[in-house]
């Protein structure tokens, strides 16, 4: 259940950040290269918050919970890649590895911010 909440949390943040960057790009407040950079920063923010969220809601071993949620995210991305017939290459592998590292680091930080009982 906490994994489903985390995925929903990621999706909500994705919608909000995408809406903001789309509005900024639509009204020519930011340029094309800035928009591309903003997309990368948005995904980094989303995955850090997802890791932080899952880590804060875990009892112990935040890195393991982060690894689990990154595995779920990567599975979703791979399934979407198969559905839309994207070829798998080394850049996608590196992208998935970076996603895993970011989520695991976020979950490690999140578990350390958990209130002690």
PDB file of N, CA and C in Angstrom:
ATOM      1  N   UNK A   1       0.824  -1.192   0.000  1.00  0.00           N
ATOM      2  CA  UNK A   1       0.000   0.000   0.000  1.00  0.00           C
ATOM      3  C   UNK A   1       0.867   1.253   0.000  1.00  0.00           C
ATOM      4  N   UNK A   2       1.984   1.232   0.765  1.00  0.00           N
ATOM      5  CA  UNK A   2       2.830   2.423   0.796  1.00  0.00           C
ATOM      6  C   UNK A   2       3.533   2.632  -0.543  1.00  0.00           C
ATOM      7  N   UNK A   3       3.734   1.556  -1.300  1.00  0.00           N
ATOM      8  CA  UNK A   3       4.353   1.702  -2.618  1.00  0.00           C
ATOM      9  C   UNK A   3       3.383   2.365  -3.594  1.00  0.00           C
ATOM     10  N   UNK A   4       2.113   1.995  -3.490  1.00  0.00           N
ATOM     11  CA  UNK A   4       1.098   2.604  -4.336  1.00  0.00           C
ATOM     12  C   UNK A   4       0.936   4.090  -4.008  1.00  0.00           C
ATOM     13  N   UNK A   5       0.989   4.421  -2.717  1.00  0.00           N
ATOM     14  CA  UNK A   5       0.917   5.828  -2.316  1.00  0.00           C
ATOM     15  C   UNK A   5       2.116   6.602  -2.841  1.00  0.00           C
ATOM     16  N   UNK A   6       3.282   5.970  -2.820  1.00  0.00           N
ATOM     17  CA  UNK A   6       4.486   6.635  -3.311  1.00  0.00           C
ATOM     18  C   UNK A   6       4.400   6.879  -4.810  1.00  0.00           C
ATOM     19  N   UNK A   7       3.920   5.900  -5.560  1.00  0.00           N
ATOM     20  CA  UNK A   7       3.763   6.067  -7.008  1.00  0.00           C
ATOM     21  C   UNK A   7       2.737   7.164  -7.288  1.00  0.00           C
ATOM     22  N   UNK A   8       1.640   7.201  -6.521  1.00  0.00           N
ATOM     23  CA  UNK A   8       0.631   8.253  -6.683  1.00  0.00           C
ATOM     24  C   UNK A   8       1.237   9.618  -6.345  1.00  0.00           C
ATOM     25  N   UNK A   9       2.055   9.668  -5.297  1.00  0.00           N
ATOM     26  CA  UNK A   9       2.739  10.891  -4.889  1.00  0.00           C
ATOM     27  C   UNK A   9       3.659  11.376  -6.012  1.00  0.00           C
ATOM     28  N   UNK A  10       4.399  10.462  -6.628  1.00  0.00           N
ATOM     29  CA  UNK A  10       5.259  10.805  -7.760  1.00  0.00           C
ATOM     30  C   UNK A  10       4.442  11.374  -8.914  1.00  0.00           C
ATOM     31  N   UNK A  11       3.318  10.735  -9.204  1.00  0.00           N
ATOM     32  CA  UNK A  11       2.480  11.154 -10.320  1.00  0.00           C
ATOM     33  C   UNK A  11       1.918  12.554 -10.096  1.00  0.00           C
ATOM     34  N   UNK A  12       1.485  12.847  -8.873  1.00  0.00           N
ATOM     35  CA  UNK A  12       0.950  14.175  -8.564  1.00  0.00           C
ATOM     36  C   UNK A  12       2.029  15.238  -8.704  1.00  0.00           C
ATOM     37  N   UNK A  13       3.216  14.972  -8.180  1.00  0.00           N
ATOM     38  CA  UNK A  13       4.321  15.927  -8.322  1.00  0.00           C
ATOM     39  C   UNK A  13       4.686  16.091  -9.793  1.00  0.00           C
ATOM     40  N   UNK A  14       4.672  14.991 -10.553  1.00  0.00           N
ATOM     41  CA  UNK A  14       4.961  15.057 -11.981  1.00  0.00           C
ATOM     42  C   UNK A  14       3.961  15.956 -12.697  1.00  0.00           C
ATOM     43  N   UNK A  15       2.690  15.813 -12.394  1.00  0.00           N
ATOM     44  CA  UNK A  15       1.676  16.648 -13.025  1.00  0.00           C
ATOM     45  C   UNK A  15       1.865  18.128 -12.684  1.00  0.00           C
ATOM     46  N   UNK A  16       2.138  18.423 -11.436  1.00  0.00           N
ATOM     47  CA  UNK A  16       2.306  19.811 -11.018  1.00  0.00           C
ATOM     48  C   UNK A  16       3.531  20.440 -11.673  1.00  0.00           C
ATOM     49  N   UNK A  17       4.665  19.761 -11.621  1.00  0.00           N
ATOM     50  CA  UNK A  17       5.886  20.317 -12.207  1.00  0.00           C
ATOM     51  C   UNK A  17       5.796  20.415 -13.722  1.00  0.00           C
ATOM     52  N   UNK A  18       5.144  19.447 -14.361  1.00  0.00           N
ATOM     53  CA  UNK A  18       4.966  19.503 -15.810  1.00  0.00           C
ATOM     54  C   UNK A  18       4.049  20.658 -16.194  1.00  0.00           C
ATOM     55  N   UNK A  19       3.011  20.877 -15.425  1.00  0.00           N
ATOM     56  CA  UNK A  19       2.109  21.989 -15.688  1.00  0.00           C
ATOM     57  C   UNK A  19       2.837  23.328 -15.569  1.00  0.00           C
ATOM     58  N   UNK A  20       3.644  23.469 -14.539  1.00  0.00           N
ATOM     59  CA  UNK A  20       4.396  24.713 -14.348  1.00  0.00           C
ATOM     60  C   UNK A  20       5.374  24.939 -15.493  1.00  0.00           C
ATOM     61  N   UNK A  21       6.143  23.911 -15.854  1.00  0.00           N
ATOM     62  CA  UNK A  21       7.120  24.092 -16.931  1.00  0.00           C
ATOM     63  C   UNK A  21       6.444  24.306 -18.282  1.00  0.00           C
ATOM     64  N   UNK A  22       5.281  23.679 -18.496  1.00  0.00           N
ATOM     65  CA  UNK A  22       4.551  23.877 -19.747  1.00  0.00           C
ATOM     66  C   UNK A  22       4.025  25.304 -19.854  1.00  0.00           C
ATOM     67  N   UNK A  23       3.502  25.824 -18.766  1.00  0.00           N
ATOM     68  CA  UNK A  23       3.011  27.209 -18.772  1.00  0.00           C
ATOM     69  C   UNK A  23       4.153  28.181 -19.018  1.00  0.00           C
ATOM     70  N   UNK A  24       5.283  27.955 -18.355  1.00  0.00           N
ATOM     71  CA  UNK A  24       6.442  28.835 -18.558  1.00  0.00           C
ATOM     72  C   UNK A  24       6.940  28.773 -19.996  1.00  0.00           C
ATOM     73  N   UNK A  25       6.934  27.610 -20.586  1.00  0.00           N
ATOM     74  CA  UNK A  25       7.392  27.458 -21.963  1.00  0.00           C
ATOM     75  C   UNK A  25       6.374  28.028 -22.950  1.00  0.00           C
ATOM     76  N   UNK A  26       5.103  27.837 -22.672  1.00  0.00           N
ATOM     77  CA  UNK A  26       4.047  28.305 -23.571  1.00  0.00           C
ATOM     78  C   UNK A  26       4.057  29.826 -23.695  1.00  0.00           C
ATOM     79  N   UNK A  27       4.259  30.513 -22.592  1.00  0.00           N
ATOM     80  CA  UNK A  27       4.272  31.969 -22.607  1.00  0.00           C
ATOM     81  C   UNK A  27       5.663  32.550 -22.878  1.00  0.00           C
ATOM     82  N   UNK A  28       6.568  31.736 -23.385  1.00  0.00           N
ATOM     83  CA  UNK A  28       7.926  32.147 -23.771  1.00  0.00           C
ATOM     84  C   UNK A  28       8.707  32.790 -22.628  1.00  0.00           C
ATOM     85  N   UNK A  29       8.453  32.353 -21.423  1.00  0.00           N
ATOM     86  CA  UNK A  29       9.219  32.835 -20.277  1.00  0.00           C
ATOM     87  C   UNK A  29      10.562  32.113 -20.227  1.00  0.00           C
ATOM     88  N   UNK A  30      10.556  30.851 -20.634  1.00  0.00           N
ATOM     89  CA  UNK A  30      11.799  30.088 -20.721  1.00  0.00           C
ATOM     90  C   UNK A  30      11.990  29.615 -22.156  1.00  0.00           C
ATOM     91  N   UNK A  31      13.235  29.407 -22.532  1.00  0.00           N
ATOM     92  CA  UNK A  31      13.553  28.955 -23.877  1.00  0.00           C
ATOM     93  C   UNK A  31      13.563  27.439 -23.990  1.00  0.00           C
ATOM     94  N   UNK A  32      13.906  26.978 -25.177  1.00  0.00           N
ATOM     95  CA  UNK A  32      13.893  25.544 -25.454  1.00  0.00           C
ATOM     96  C   UNK A  32      14.956  24.799 -24.650  1.00  0.00           C
ATOM     97  N   UNK A  33      16.168  25.325 -24.605  1.00  0.00           N
ATOM     98  CA  UNK A  33      17.231  24.644 -23.854  1.00  0.00           C
ATOM     99  C   UNK A  33      16.964  24.681 -22.350  1.00  0.00           C
ATOM    100  N   UNK A  34      16.384  25.782 -21.887  1.00  0.00           N
ATOM    101  CA  UNK A  34      16.029  25.868 -20.475  1.00  0.00           C
ATOM    102  C   UNK A  34      14.922  24.884 -20.140  1.00  0.00           C
ATOM    103  N   UNK A  35      13.988  24.714 -21.055  1.00  0.00           N
ATOM    104  CA  UNK A  35      12.903  23.756 -20.849  1.00  0.00           C
ATOM    105  C   UNK A  35      13.441  22.335 -20.769  1.00  0.00           C
ATOM    106  N   UNK A  36      14.405  21.999 -21.632  1.00  0.00           N
ATOM    107  CA  UNK A  36      15.010  20.665 -21.573  1.00  0.00           C
ATOM    108  C   UNK A  36      15.719  20.438 -20.244  1.00  0.00           C
ATOM    109  N   UNK A  37      16.435  21.453 -19.780  1.00  0.00           N
ATOM    110  CA  UNK A  37      17.114  21.354 -18.487  1.00  0.00           C
ATOM    111  C   UNK A  37      16.103  21.238 -17.356  1.00  0.00           C
ATOM    112  N   UNK A  38      15.013  21.995 -17.467  1.00  0.00           N
ATOM    113  CA  UNK A  38      13.980  21.962 -16.442  1.00  0.00           C
ATOM    114  C   UNK A  38      13.308  20.595 -16.363  1.00  0.00           C
ATOM    115  N   UNK A  39      13.172  19.914 -17.479  1.00  0.00           N
ATOM    116  CA  UNK A  39      12.604  18.555 -17.479  1.00  0.00           C
ATOM    117  C   UNK A  39      13.475  17.605 -16.664  1.00  0.00           C
ATOM    118  N   UNK A  40      14.779  17.709 -16.849  1.00  0.00           N
ATOM    119  CA  UNK A  40      15.705  16.844 -16.103  1.00  0.00           C
ATOM    120  C   UNK A  40      15.646  17.164 -14.617  1.00  0.00           C
ATOM    121  N   UNK A  41      15.640  18.449 -14.295  1.00  0.00           N
ATOM    122  CA  UNK A  41      15.578  18.866 -12.888  1.00  0.00           C
ATOM    123  C   UNK A  41      14.262  18.410 -12.262  1.00  0.00           C
ATOM    124  N   UNK A  42      13.165  18.490 -13.023  1.00  0.00           N
ATOM    125  CA  UNK A  42      11.864  18.028 -12.511  1.00  0.00           C
ATOM    126  C   UNK A  42      11.910  16.553 -12.132  1.00  0.00           C
ATOM    127  N   UNK A  43      12.499  15.731 -12.997  1.00  0.00           N
ATOM    128  CA  UNK A  43      12.562  14.305 -12.688  1.00  0.00           C
ATOM    129  C   UNK A  43      13.463  14.025 -11.489  1.00  0.00           C
ATOM    130  N   UNK A  44      14.539  14.767 -11.362  1.00  0.00           N
ATOM    131  CA  UNK A  44      15.403  14.590 -10.194  1.00  0.00           C
ATOM    132  C   UNK A  44      14.631  14.943  -8.925  1.00  0.00           C
ATOM    133  N   UNK A  45      13.896  16.054  -8.959  1.00  0.00           N
ATOM    134  CA  UNK A  45      13.100  16.457  -7.800  1.00  0.00           C
ATOM    135  C   UNK A  45      12.043  15.402  -7.478  1.00  0.00           C
ATOM    136  N   UNK A  46      11.376  14.896  -8.497  1.00  0.00           N
ATOM    137  CA  UNK A  46      10.336  13.884  -8.284  1.00  0.00           C
ATOM    138  C   UNK A  46      10.911  12.641  -7.614  1.00  0.00           C
ATOM    139  N   UNK A  47      12.042  12.170  -8.099  1.00  0.00           N
ATOM    140  CA  UNK A  47      12.602  10.939  -7.561  1.00  0.00           C
ATOM    141  C   UNK A  47      13.209  11.133  -6.179  1.00  0.00           C
ATOM    142  N   UNK A  48      13.761  12.306  -5.907  1.00  0.00           N
ATOM    143  CA  UNK A  48      14.268  12.577  -4.552  1.00  0.00           C
ATOM    144  C   UNK A  48      13.109  12.604  -3.570  1.00  0.00           C
ATOM    145  N   UNK A  49      12.017  13.293  -3.930  1.00  0.00           N
ATOM    146  CA  UNK A  49      10.864  13.341  -3.039  1.00  0.00           C
ATOM    147  C   UNK A  49      10.218  11.969  -2.868  1.00  0.00           C
ATOM    148  N   UNK A  50      10.188  11.172  -3.930  1.00  0.00           N
ATOM    149  CA  UNK A  50       9.629   9.818  -3.814  1.00  0.00           C
ATOM    150  C   UNK A  50      10.473   8.978  -2.861  1.00  0.00           C
ATOM    151  N   UNK A  51      11.790   9.051  -3.003  1.00  0.00           N
ATOM    152  CA  UNK A  51      12.663   8.322  -2.091  1.00  0.00           C
ATOM    153  C   UNK A  51      12.536   8.815  -0.665  1.00  0.00           C
ATOM    154  N   UNK A  52      12.459  10.134  -0.519  1.00  0.00           N
ATOM    155  CA  UNK A  52      12.299  10.729   0.807  1.00  0.00           C
ATOM    156  C   UNK A  52      10.987  10.266   1.437  1.00  0.00           C
ATOM    157  N   UNK A  53       9.921  10.261   0.648  1.00  0.00           N
ATOM    158  CA  UNK A  53       8.600   9.864   1.135  1.00  0.00           C
ATOM    159  C   UNK A  53       8.589   8.400   1.578  1.00  0.00           C
ATOM    160  N   UNK A  54       9.146   7.522   0.768  1.00  0.00           N
ATOM    161  CA  UNK A  54       9.154   6.101   1.125  1.00  0.00           C
ATOM    162  C   UNK A  54      10.091   5.852   2.310  1.00  0.00           C
ATOM    163  N   UNK A  55      11.198   6.593   2.375  1.00  0.00           N
ATOM    164  CA  UNK A  55      12.118   6.428   3.497  1.00  0.00           C
ATOM    165  C   UNK A  55      11.522   6.905   4.797  1.00  0.00           C
ATOM    166  N   UNK A  56      10.797   8.019   4.740  1.00  0.00           N
ATOM    167  CA  UNK A  56      10.191   8.554   5.950  1.00  0.00           C
ATOM    168  C   UNK A  56       9.076   7.658   6.463  1.00  0.00           C
ATOM    169  N   UNK A  57       8.427   6.913   5.587  1.00  0.00           N
ATOM    170  CA  UNK A  57       7.344   6.023   5.990  1.00  0.00           C
ATOM    171  C   UNK A  57       7.817   4.599   6.254  1.00  0.00           C
ATOM    172  N   UNK A  58       9.117   4.372   6.254  1.00  0.00           N
ATOM    173  CA  UNK A  58       9.673   3.042   6.508  1.00  0.00           C
ATOM    174  C   UNK A  58      10.128   2.933   7.955  1.00  0.00           C
ATOM    175  N   UNK A  59      10.174   1.716   8.438  1.00  0.00           N
ATOM    176  CA  UNK A  59      10.628   1.494   9.805  1.00  0.00           C
ATOM    177  C   UNK A  59      12.137   1.371   9.895  1.00  0.00           C
ATOM    178  N   UNK A  60      12.736   0.692   8.936  1.00  0.00           N
ATOM    179  CA  UNK A  60      14.182   0.545   8.914  1.00  0.00           C
ATOM    180  C   UNK A  60      14.623   0.217   7.498  1.00  0.00           C
ATOM    181  N   UNK A  61      15.915   0.270   7.277  1.00  0.00           N
ATOM    182  CA  UNK A  61      16.520  -0.028   5.981  1.00  0.00           C
ATOM    183  C   UNK A  61      15.905   0.807   4.857  1.00  0.00           C
ATOM    184  N   UNK A  62      16.120   2.110   4.937  1.00  0.00           N
ATOM    185  CA  UNK A  62      15.599   3.015   3.929  1.00  0.00           C
ATOM    186  C   UNK A  62      16.160   2.737   2.549  1.00  0.00           C
ATOM    187  N   UNK A  63      17.399   2.303   2.485  1.00  0.00           N
ATOM    188  CA  UNK A  63      18.002   2.023   1.183  1.00  0.00           C
ATOM    189  C   UNK A  63      17.283   0.873   0.479  1.00  0.00           C
ATOM    190  N   UNK A  64      16.830  -0.119   1.263  1.00  0.00           N
ATOM    191  CA  UNK A  64      16.129  -1.257   0.673  1.00  0.00           C
ATOM    192  C   UNK A  64      14.750  -0.840   0.159  1.00  0.00           C
ATOM    193  N   UNK A  65      14.070   0.000   0.926  1.00  0.00           N
ATOM    194  CA  UNK A  65      12.767   0.503   0.476  1.00  0.00           C
ATOM    195  C   UNK A  65      12.939   1.366  -0.773  1.00  0.00           C
ATOM    196  N   UNK A  66      14.000   2.158  -0.813  1.00  0.00           N
ATOM    197  CA  UNK A  66      14.284   2.962  -1.994  1.00  0.00           C
ATOM    198  C   UNK A  66      14.598   2.100  -3.197  1.00  0.00           C
ATOM    199  N   UNK A  67      15.300   1.008  -2.969  1.00  0.00           N
ATOM    200  CA  UNK A  67      15.610   0.078  -4.060  1.00  0.00           C
ATOM    201  C   UNK A  67      14.345  -0.587  -4.583  1.00  0.00           C
ATOM    202  N   UNK A  68      13.428  -0.912  -3.681  1.00  0.00           N
ATOM    203  CA  UNK A  68      12.164  -1.524  -4.102  1.00  0.00           C
ATOM    204  C   UNK A  68      11.341  -0.553  -4.951  1.00  0.00           C
ATOM    205  N   UNK A  69      11.214   0.693  -4.495  1.00  0.00           N
ATOM    206  CA  UNK A  69      10.403   1.653  -5.240  1.00  0.00           C
ATOM    207  C   UNK A  69      11.082   2.031  -6.548  1.00  0.00           C
ATOM    208  N   UNK A  70      12.407   2.046  -6.574  1.00  0.00           N
ATOM    209  CA  UNK A  70      13.088   2.322  -7.850  1.00  0.00           C
ATOM    210  C   UNK A  70      12.894   1.159  -8.810  1.00  0.00           C
ATOM    211  N   UNK A  71      12.852  -0.057  -8.291  1.00  0.00           N
ATOM    212  CA  UNK A  71      12.562  -1.213  -9.138  1.00  0.00           C
ATOM    213  C   UNK A  71      11.166  -1.138  -9.743  1.00  0.00           C
ATOM    214  N   UNK A  72      10.202  -0.685  -8.947  1.00  0.00           N
ATOM    215  CA  UNK A  72       8.842  -0.520  -9.450  1.00  0.00           C
ATOM    216  C   UNK A  72       8.811   0.558 -10.535  1.00  0.00           C
ATOM    217  N   UNK A  73       9.512   1.672 -10.288  1.00  0.00           N
ATOM    218  CA  UNK A  73       9.567   2.754 -11.282  1.00  0.00           C
ATOM    219  C   UNK A  73      10.218   2.277 -12.578  1.00  0.00           C
ATOM    220  N   UNK A  74      11.299   1.566 -12.456  1.00  0.00           N
ATOM    221  CA  UNK A  74      11.998   1.086 -13.649  1.00  0.00           C
ATOM    222  C   UNK A  74      11.127   0.079 -14.400  1.00  0.00           C
ATOM    223  N   UNK A  75      10.417  -0.759 -13.674  1.00  0.00           N
ATOM    224  CA  UNK A  75       9.505  -1.705 -14.318  1.00  0.00           C
ATOM    225  C   UNK A  75       8.421  -0.962 -15.101  1.00  0.00           C
ATOM    226  N   UNK A  76       7.885   0.093 -14.527  1.00  0.00           N
ATOM    227  CA  UNK A  76       6.882   0.907 -15.225  1.00  0.00           C
ATOM    228  C   UNK A  76       7.479   1.518 -16.481  1.00  0.00           C
ATOM    229  N   UNK A  77       8.697   2.069 -16.367  1.00  0.00           N
ATOM    230  CA  UNK A  77       9.341   2.692 -17.528  1.00  0.00           C
ATOM    231  C   UNK A  77       9.648   1.669 -18.619  1.00  0.00           C
ATOM    232  N   UNK A  78      10.093   0.490 -18.234  1.00  0.00           N
ATOM    233  CA  UNK A  78      10.394  -0.548 -19.221  1.00  0.00           C
ATOM    234  C   UNK A  78       9.112  -0.994 -19.920  1.00  0.00           C
ATOM    235  N   UNK A  79       8.040  -1.168 -19.154  1.00  0.00           N
ATOM    236  CA  UNK A  79       6.767  -1.558 -19.765  1.00  0.00           C
ATOM    237  C   UNK A  79       6.267  -0.472 -20.728  1.00  0.00           C
ATOM    238  N   UNK A  80       6.394   0.782 -20.333  1.00  0.00           N
ATOM    239  CA  UNK A  80       6.001   1.872 -21.234  1.00  0.00           C
ATOM    240  C   UNK A  80       6.883   1.897 -22.482  1.00  0.00           C
ATOM    241  N   UNK A  81       8.169   1.611 -22.315  1.00  0.00           N
ATOM    242  CA  UNK A  81       9.073   1.559 -23.470  1.00  0.00           C
ATOM    243  C   UNK A  81       8.688   0.433 -24.420  1.00  0.00           C
ATOM    244  N   UNK A  82       8.291  -0.705 -23.862  1.00  0.00           N
ATOM    245  CA  UNK A  82       7.867  -1.824 -24.705  1.00  0.00           C
ATOM    246  C   UNK A  82       6.544  -1.519 -25.414  1.00  0.00           C
ATOM    247  N   UNK A  83       5.633  -0.863 -24.702  1.00  0.00           N
ATOM    248  CA  UNK A  83       4.342  -0.531 -25.303  1.00  0.00           C
ATOM    249  C   UNK A  83       4.523   0.451 -26.461  1.00  0.00           C
ATOM    250  N   UNK A  84       5.364   1.464 -26.256  1.00  0.00           N
ATOM    251  CA  UNK A  84       5.569   2.481 -27.291  1.00  0.00           C
ATOM    252  C   UNK A  84       6.727   2.151 -28.223  1.00  0.00           C
ATOM    253  N   UNK A  85       7.283   0.950 -28.103  1.00  0.00           N
ATOM    254  CA  UNK A  85       8.289   0.391 -29.000  1.00  0.00           C
ATOM    255  C   UNK A  85       9.557   1.228 -29.114  1.00  0.00           C
ATOM    256  N   UNK A  86      10.070   1.653 -27.959  1.00  0.00           N
ATOM    257  CA  UNK A  86      11.372   2.299 -27.923  1.00  0.00           C
ATOM    258  C   UNK A  86      12.455   1.235 -27.829  1.00  0.00           C
ATOM    259  N   UNK A  87      13.555   1.469 -28.502  1.00  0.00           N
ATOM    260  CA  UNK A  87      14.674   0.533 -28.438  1.00  0.00           C
ATOM    261  C   UNK A  87      15.438   0.741 -27.143  1.00  0.00           C
ATOM    262  N   UNK A  88      15.882  -0.364 -26.568  1.00  0.00           N
ATOM    263  CA  UNK A  88      16.692  -0.281 -25.352  1.00  0.00           C
ATOM    264  C   UNK A  88      18.141  -0.064 -25.752  1.00  0.00           C
ATOM    265  N   UNK A  89      18.774   0.930 -25.141  1.00  0.00           N
ATOM    266  CA  UNK A  89      20.178   1.200 -25.419  1.00  0.00           C
ATOM    267  C   UNK A  89      20.901   1.508 -24.111  1.00  0.00           C
ATOM    268  N   UNK A  90      22.177   1.784 -24.218  1.00  0.00           N
ATOM    269  CA  UNK A  90      23.008   2.024 -23.031  1.00  0.00           C
ATOM    270  C   UNK A  90      22.590   3.298 -22.300  1.00  0.00           C
ATOM    271  N   UNK A  91      22.075   4.287 -23.029  1.00  0.00           N
ATOM    272  CA  UNK A  91      21.640   5.525 -22.392  1.00  0.00           C
ATOM    273  C   UNK A  91      20.424   5.282 -21.494  1.00  0.00           C
ATOM    274  N   UNK A  92      19.518   4.431 -21.931  1.00  0.00           N
ATOM    275  CA  UNK A  92      18.375   4.087 -21.087  1.00  0.00           C
ATOM    276  C   UNK A  92      18.827   3.342 -19.840  1.00  0.00           C
ATOM    277  N   UNK A  93      19.775   2.449 -19.996  1.00  0.00           N
ATOM    278  CA  UNK A  93      20.307   1.721 -18.849  1.00  0.00           C
ATOM    279  C   UNK A  93      20.926   2.689 -17.842  1.00  0.00           C
ATOM    280  N   UNK A  94      21.705   3.648 -18.332  1.00  0.00           N
ATOM    281  CA  UNK A  94      22.302   4.648 -17.442  1.00  0.00           C
ATOM    282  C   UNK A  94      21.232   5.507 -16.786  1.00  0.00           C
ATOM    283  N   UNK A  95      20.196   5.842 -17.538  1.00  0.00           N
ATOM    284  CA  UNK A  95      19.090   6.626 -16.993  1.00  0.00           C
ATOM    285  C   UNK A  95      18.414   5.866 -15.850  1.00  0.00           C
ATOM    286  N   UNK A  96      18.164   4.576 -16.049  1.00  0.00           N
ATOM    287  CA  UNK A  96      17.544   3.766 -15.003  1.00  0.00           C
ATOM    288  C   UNK A  96      18.462   3.616 -13.789  1.00  0.00           C
ATOM    289  N   UNK A  97      19.745   3.512 -14.016  1.00  0.00           N
ATOM    290  CA  UNK A  97      20.703   3.433 -12.920  1.00  0.00           C
ATOM    291  C   UNK A  97      20.717   4.731 -12.117  1.00  0.00           C
ATOM    292  N   UNK A  98      20.674   5.854 -12.806  1.00  0.00           N
ATOM    293  CA  UNK A  98      20.641   7.148 -12.118  1.00  0.00           C
ATOM    294  C   UNK A  98      19.345   7.296 -11.329  1.00  0.00           C
ATOM    295  N   UNK A  99      18.227   6.847 -11.894  1.00  0.00           N
ATOM    296  CA  UNK A  99      16.951   6.877 -11.173  1.00  0.00           C
ATOM    297  C   UNK A  99      17.064   6.077  -9.882  1.00  0.00           C
ATOM    298  N   UNK A 100      17.636   4.887  -9.957  1.00  0.00           N
ATOM    299  CA  UNK A 100      17.785   4.048  -8.763  1.00  0.00           C
ATOM    300  C   UNK A 100      18.643   4.722  -7.708  1.00  0.00           C
ATOM    301  N   UNK A 101      19.747   5.303  -8.124  1.00  0.00           N
ATOM    302  CA  UNK A 101      20.646   5.961  -7.173  1.00  0.00           C
ATOM    303  C   UNK A 101      19.956   7.141  -6.505  1.00  0.00           C
ATOM    304  N   UNK A 102      19.234   7.948  -7.284  1.00  0.00           N
ATOM    305  CA  UNK A 102      18.553   9.117  -6.729  1.00  0.00           C
ATOM    306  C   UNK A 102      17.480   8.698  -5.731  1.00  0.00           C
ATOM    307  N   UNK A 103      16.691   7.692  -6.063  1.00  0.00           N
ATOM    308  CA  UNK A 103      15.627   7.254  -5.156  1.00  0.00           C
ATOM    309  C   UNK A 103      16.210   6.641  -3.891  1.00  0.00           C
ATOM    310  N   UNK A 104      17.250   5.851  -4.019  1.00  0.00           N
ATOM    311  CA  UNK A 104      17.873   5.243  -2.834  1.00  0.00           C
ATOM    312  C   UNK A 104      18.471   6.319  -1.928  1.00  0.00           C
ATOM    313  N   UNK A 105      19.126   7.311  -2.505  1.00  0.00           N
ATOM    314  CA  UNK A 105      19.672   8.405  -1.686  1.00  0.00           C
ATOM    315  C   UNK A 105      18.551   9.182  -1.004  1.00  0.00           C
ATOM    316  N   UNK A 106      17.454   9.421  -1.723  1.00  0.00           N
ATOM    317  CA  UNK A 106      16.314  10.101  -1.120  1.00  0.00           C
ATOM    318  C   UNK A 106      15.717   9.308   0.026  1.00  0.00           C
ATOM    319  N   UNK A 107      15.653   7.991  -0.117  1.00  0.00           N
ATOM    320  CA  UNK A 107      15.084   7.172   0.956  1.00  0.00           C
ATOM    321  C   UNK A 107      16.016   7.093   2.159  1.00  0.00           C
ATOM    322  N   UNK A 108      17.311   7.124   1.913  1.00  0.00           N
ATOM    323  CA  UNK A 108      18.263   7.143   3.031  1.00  0.00           C
ATOM    324  C   UNK A 108      18.125   8.449   3.810  1.00  0.00           C
ATOM    325  N   UNK A 109      17.970   9.551   3.084  1.00  0.00           N
ATOM    326  CA  UNK A 109      17.765  10.837   3.748  1.00  0.00           C
ATOM    327  C   UNK A 109      16.428  10.847   4.475  1.00  0.00           C
ATOM    328  N   UNK A 110      15.394  10.293   3.844  1.00  0.00           N
ATOM    329  CA  UNK A 110      14.057  10.283   4.431  1.00  0.00           C
ATOM    330  C   UNK A 110      13.971   9.492   5.721  1.00  0.00           C
ATOM    331  N   UNK A 111      14.641   8.371   5.790  1.00  0.00           N
ATOM    332  CA  UNK A 111      14.570   7.554   7.006  1.00  0.00           C
ATOM    333  C   UNK A 111      15.296   8.247   8.158  1.00  0.00           C
ATOM    334  N   UNK A 112      16.275   9.091   7.843  1.00  0.00           N
ATOM    335  CA  UNK A 112      16.974   9.826   8.892  1.00  0.00           C
ATOM    336  C   UNK A 112      16.162  11.005   9.406  1.00  0.00           C
ATOM    337  N   UNK A 113      15.149  11.436   8.676  1.00  0.00           N
ATOM    338  CA  UNK A 113      14.291  12.508   9.121  1.00  0.00           C
ATOM    339  C   UNK A 113      13.062  12.002   9.862  1.00  0.00           C
ATOM    340  N   UNK A 114      12.973  10.702   9.992  1.00  0.00           N
ATOM    341  CA  UNK A 114      11.838  10.095  10.703  1.00  0.00           C
ATOM    342  C   UNK A 114      11.939  10.433  12.186  1.00  0.00           C
ATOM    343  N   UNK A 115      10.803  10.723  12.787  1.00  0.00           N
ATOM    344  CA  UNK A 115      10.791  11.068  14.220  1.00  0.00           C
ATOM    345  C   UNK A 115      11.007   9.812  15.048  1.00  0.00           C
ATOM    346  N   UNK A 116      11.868   9.939  16.022  1.00  0.00           N
ATOM    347  CA  UNK A 116      12.150   8.819  16.928  1.00  0.00           C
ATOM    348  C   UNK A 116      11.037   8.694  17.954  1.00  0.00           C
ATOM    349  N   UNK A 117      10.642   7.458  18.224  1.00  0.00           N
ATOM    350  CA  UNK A 117       9.581   7.224  19.226  1.00  0.00           C
ATOM    351  C   UNK A 117      10.154   6.790  20.539  1.00  0.00           C
TER     352      UNK A 117
END
